[in-house]
Amino acid sequence: MRWFFIIILTAISILFLSKGIELWSIAGQIENGGIGVKFIGIKIGGPVLRDSLPIYALGFSVASAIPVLLAINLFVRNRFGKKLNNVD
């Protein structure tokens, strides 16, 4: 069951990172009206202007680290947890 959570957390992290990279790459191509940001089909806020787009990109990029850290924690506990608990 832990492997399922590790895979799901890794997939969520990849989604966050890909959205952050996408926003970084289109930051210079936005016109004055701004764009709508969608994540997994859910619209996030109103139109995002060109000046605040790097903040969204940074937010998605940093948010991708959280699920990865949780997945690493679950992996380490699953792999080495039994050995660490038996140390006296």
Protein backbone atom coordinates (compact mmCIF):
# COMPACT_ATOMS: atom_id res chain seq x y z
CA MET A 1 0.00 0.00 0.00
CA ARG A 2 2.91 2.35 0.69
CA TRP A 3 4.19 1.84 -2.84
CA PHE A 4 0.86 3.05 -4.16
CA PHE A 5 1.21 6.28 -2.15
CA ILE A 6 4.81 6.71 -3.28
CA ILE A 7 3.76 6.40 -6.93
CA ILE A 8 0.81 8.80 -6.48
CA LEU A 9 2.96 11.40 -4.69
CA THR A 10 5.61 11.16 -7.39
CA ALA A 11 2.98 11.62 -10.11
CA ILE A 12 1.56 14.69 -8.35
CA SER A 13 5.06 16.11 -8.05
CA ILE A 14 5.69 15.58 -11.76
CA LEU A 15 2.41 17.35 -12.56
CA PHE A 16 3.36 20.33 -10.39
CA LEU A 17 6.83 20.52 -11.91
CA SER A 18 5.56 20.26 -15.48
CA LYS A 19 3.07 23.07 -14.86
CA GLY A 20 5.83 25.22 -13.35
CA ILE A 21 8.09 24.59 -16.34
CA GLU A 22 5.22 25.35 -18.71
CA LEU A 23 4.55 28.67 -16.98
CA TRP A 24 8.26 29.56 -17.02
CA SER A 25 8.46 28.84 -20.74
CA ILE A 26 5.43 30.96 -21.74
CA ALA A 27 6.21 33.87 -19.42
CA GLY A 28 7.67 36.03 -22.19
CA GLN A 29 4.92 35.28 -24.70
CA ILE A 30 1.96 36.64 -22.72
CA GLU A 31 0.22 39.75 -24.00
CA ASN A 32 -1.26 42.53 -21.87
CA GLY A 33 -4.55 40.69 -21.13
CA GLY A 34 -2.95 37.84 -19.22
CA ILE A 35 -3.84 34.15 -19.28
CA GLY A 36 -5.96 31.77 -17.26
CA VAL A 37 -4.00 29.16 -15.33
CA LYS A 38 -5.49 25.66 -15.10
CA PHE A 39 -4.08 22.77 -13.10
CA ILE A 40 -5.56 19.30 -13.61
CA GLY A 41 -8.54 20.91 -15.32
CA ILE A 42 -9.28 23.30 -12.44
CA LYS A 43 -9.05 27.01 -13.15
CA ILE A 44 -6.90 28.81 -10.60
CA GLY A 45 -7.98 32.40 -10.01
CA GLY A 46 -8.69 34.96 -12.70
CA PRO A 47 -6.48 36.03 -15.55
CA VAL A 48 -2.82 36.13 -14.54
CA LEU A 49 -0.89 39.12 -15.82
CA ARG A 50 2.59 38.86 -17.30
CA ASP A 51 4.22 40.45 -14.24
CA SER A 52 2.80 37.93 -11.77
CA LEU A 53 3.29 34.83 -13.94
CA PRO A 54 6.81 34.09 -12.56
CA ILE A 55 5.29 33.98 -9.06
CA TYR A 56 2.85 31.29 -10.18
CA ALA A 57 5.65 29.40 -11.93
CA LEU A 58 7.84 29.54 -8.83
CA GLY A 59 4.92 28.42 -6.67
CA PHE A 60 4.27 25.36 -8.83
CA SER A 61 7.98 24.55 -8.99
CA VAL A 62 8.42 24.76 -5.22
CA ALA A 63 5.17 22.88 -4.61
CA SER A 64 6.57 19.96 -6.60
CA ALA A 65 9.23 19.43 -3.93
CA ILE A 66 6.71 18.69 -1.17
CA PRO A 67 5.24 15.46 -2.62
CA VAL A 68 8.73 14.29 -3.59
CA LEU A 69 9.97 14.75 -0.03
CA LEU A 70 6.97 12.84 1.30
CA ALA A 71 7.55 10.04 -1.21
CA ILE A 72 11.23 9.84 -0.25
CA ASN A 73 10.25 9.73 3.42
CA LEU A 74 7.81 6.88 2.78
CA PHE A 75 10.40 5.02 0.70
CA VAL A 76 13.11 5.33 3.36
CA ARG A 77 10.73 4.26 6.12
CA ASN A 78 9.53 1.31 4.05
CA ARG A 79 13.01 0.24 3.03
CA PHE A 80 15.08 0.93 6.16
CA GLY A 81 12.47 1.45 8.88
CA LYS A 82 12.65 -2.08 10.24
CA LYS A 83 16.43 -1.87 10.57
CA LEU A 84 16.31 1.51 12.29
CA ASN A 85 13.74 0.40 14.86
CA ASN A 86 15.80 -2.60 16.00
CA VAL A 87 18.87 -0.52 16.93
CA ASP A 88 19.39 -0.56 20.72
